[in-house]
Amino acid sequence: MAVIVHQNENIDSALKRLHREVMREKILETLRLKQYRTKRSEFDIEKRREWAKMKRRRRTATRRARK
């Protein structure tokens, strides 16, 4: 897995793309499951938290796009 930083691209946006790719491939989830035992409820809470964050960002983006 790799993310190429383009010439005029901000490093923060490249890191965001890398994070999205990591989340898409479920690398962190796999690491946490293998690192130590997690309860199913903790896993569900984590997933809900991620979705809430994405939902907030989408709403903000659509609100800004309307203006």
C-alpha atoms as a PDB file:
ATOM      1  CA  MET A   1       0.000   0.000   0.000  1.00  0.00           C
ATOM      2  CA  ALA A   2       1.347   3.400  -0.938  1.00  0.00           C
ATOM      3  CA  VAL A   3       0.205   6.937  -1.543  1.00  0.00           C
ATOM      4  CA  ILE A   4       2.052   9.151  -3.977  1.00  0.00           C
ATOM      5  CA  VAL A   5       2.265  12.797  -2.942  1.00  0.00           C
ATOM      6  CA  HIS A   6       1.727  14.991  -5.999  1.00  0.00           C
ATOM      7  CA  GLN A   7       3.816  18.071  -6.643  1.00  0.00           C
ATOM      8  CA  ASN A   8       1.227  20.712  -5.664  1.00  0.00           C
ATOM      9  CA  GLU A   9      -0.482  18.591  -3.024  1.00  0.00           C
ATOM     10  CA  ASN A  10      -0.502  19.398   0.661  1.00  0.00           C
ATOM     11  CA  ILE A  11       1.069  16.694   2.863  1.00  0.00           C
ATOM     12  CA  ASP A  12      -2.047  16.662   5.069  1.00  0.00           C
ATOM     13  CA  SER A  13      -4.305  15.731   2.171  1.00  0.00           C
ATOM     14  CA  ALA A  14      -1.903  12.944   1.194  1.00  0.00           C
ATOM     15  CA  LEU A  15      -2.019  11.627   4.765  1.00  0.00           C
ATOM     16  CA  LYS A  16      -5.828  11.719   4.639  1.00  0.00           C
ATOM     17  CA  ARG A  17      -5.746   9.646   1.446  1.00  0.00           C
ATOM     18  CA  LEU A  18      -3.409   7.169   3.132  1.00  0.00           C
ATOM     19  CA  HIS A  19      -5.733   6.956   6.138  1.00  0.00           C
ATOM     20  CA  ARG A  20      -8.738   6.326   3.873  1.00  0.00           C
ATOM     21  CA  GLU A  21      -6.839   3.552   2.115  1.00  0.00           C
ATOM     22  CA  VAL A  22      -5.873   1.984   5.455  1.00  0.00           C
ATOM     23  CA  MET A  23      -9.504   2.118   6.593  1.00  0.00           C
ATOM     24  CA  ARG A  24     -10.716   0.679   3.282  1.00  0.00           C
ATOM     25  CA  GLU A  25      -8.373  -2.301   3.556  1.00  0.00           C
ATOM     26  CA  LYS A  26      -9.206  -2.741   7.264  1.00  0.00           C
ATOM     27  CA  ILE A  27      -5.551  -2.873   8.268  1.00  0.00           C
ATOM     28  CA  LEU A  28      -6.072  -1.243  11.677  1.00  0.00           C
ATOM     29  CA  GLU A  29      -9.000  -3.535  12.488  1.00  0.00           C
ATOM     30  CA  THR A  30      -6.921  -6.597  11.645  1.00  0.00           C
ATOM     31  CA  LEU A  31      -4.012  -5.297  13.710  1.00  0.00           C
ATOM     32  CA  ARG A  32      -6.208  -4.647  16.745  1.00  0.00           C
ATOM     33  CA  LEU A  33      -7.839  -8.059  16.506  1.00  0.00           C
ATOM     34  CA  LYS A  34      -4.469  -9.806  16.383  1.00  0.00           C
ATOM     35  CA  GLN A  35      -2.778  -7.573  18.957  1.00  0.00           C
ATOM     36  CA  TYR A  36      -5.070  -8.302  21.867  1.00  0.00           C
ATOM     37  CA  ARG A  37      -8.566  -9.555  22.518  1.00  0.00           C
ATOM     38  CA  THR A  38     -11.336  -7.032  21.924  1.00  0.00           C
ATOM     39  CA  LYS A  39     -14.972  -7.485  22.752  1.00  0.00           C
ATOM     40  CA  ARG A  40     -17.528  -7.423  19.970  1.00  0.00           C
ATOM     41  CA  SER A  41     -19.180  -4.364  21.521  1.00  0.00           C
ATOM     42  CA  GLU A  42     -15.907  -2.394  21.426  1.00  0.00           C
ATOM     43  CA  PHE A  43     -15.525  -3.273  17.760  1.00  0.00           C
ATOM     44  CA  ASP A  44     -19.081  -2.062  17.036  1.00  0.00           C
ATOM     45  CA  ILE A  45     -18.501   1.175  18.958  1.00  0.00           C
ATOM     46  CA  GLU A  46     -15.333   1.861  16.970  1.00  0.00           C
ATOM     47  CA  LYS A  47     -17.116   1.251  13.686  1.00  0.00           C
ATOM     48  CA  ARG A  48     -20.026   3.516  14.706  1.00  0.00           C
ATOM     49  CA  ARG A  49     -17.561   6.249  15.658  1.00  0.00           C
ATOM     50  CA  GLU A  50     -15.859   6.056  12.229  1.00  0.00           C
ATOM     51  CA  TRP A  51     -19.186   6.234  10.395  1.00  0.00           C
ATOM     52  CA  ALA A  52     -20.274   9.209  12.491  1.00  0.00           C
ATOM     53  CA  LYS A  53     -17.059  11.017  11.620  1.00  0.00           C
ATOM     54  CA  MET A  54     -17.523  10.348   7.904  1.00  0.00           C
ATOM     55  CA  LYS A  55     -21.163  11.426   8.099  1.00  0.00           C
ATOM     56  CA  ARG A  56     -20.177  14.728   9.737  1.00  0.00           C
ATOM     57  CA  ARG A  57     -17.565  15.368   7.062  1.00  0.00           C
ATOM     58  CA  ARG A  58     -19.998  14.609   4.231  1.00  0.00           C
ATOM     59  CA  ARG A  59     -22.625  16.924   5.698  1.00  0.00           C
ATOM     60  CA  THR A  60     -20.066  19.700   6.073  1.00  0.00           C
ATOM     61  CA  ALA A  61     -18.853  19.206   2.507  1.00  0.00           C
ATOM     62  CA  THR A  62     -22.371  19.325   1.051  1.00  0.00           C
ATOM     63  CA  ARG A  63     -23.201  22.396   3.120  1.00  0.00           C
ATOM     64  CA  ARG A  64     -20.085  24.157   1.838  1.00  0.00           C
ATOM     65  CA  ALA A  65     -20.754  23.064  -1.737  1.00  0.00           C
ATOM     66  CA  ARG A  66     -24.225  24.646  -1.675  1.00  0.00           C
ATOM     67  CA  LYS A  67     -22.852  28.118  -0.944  1.00  0.00           C
END
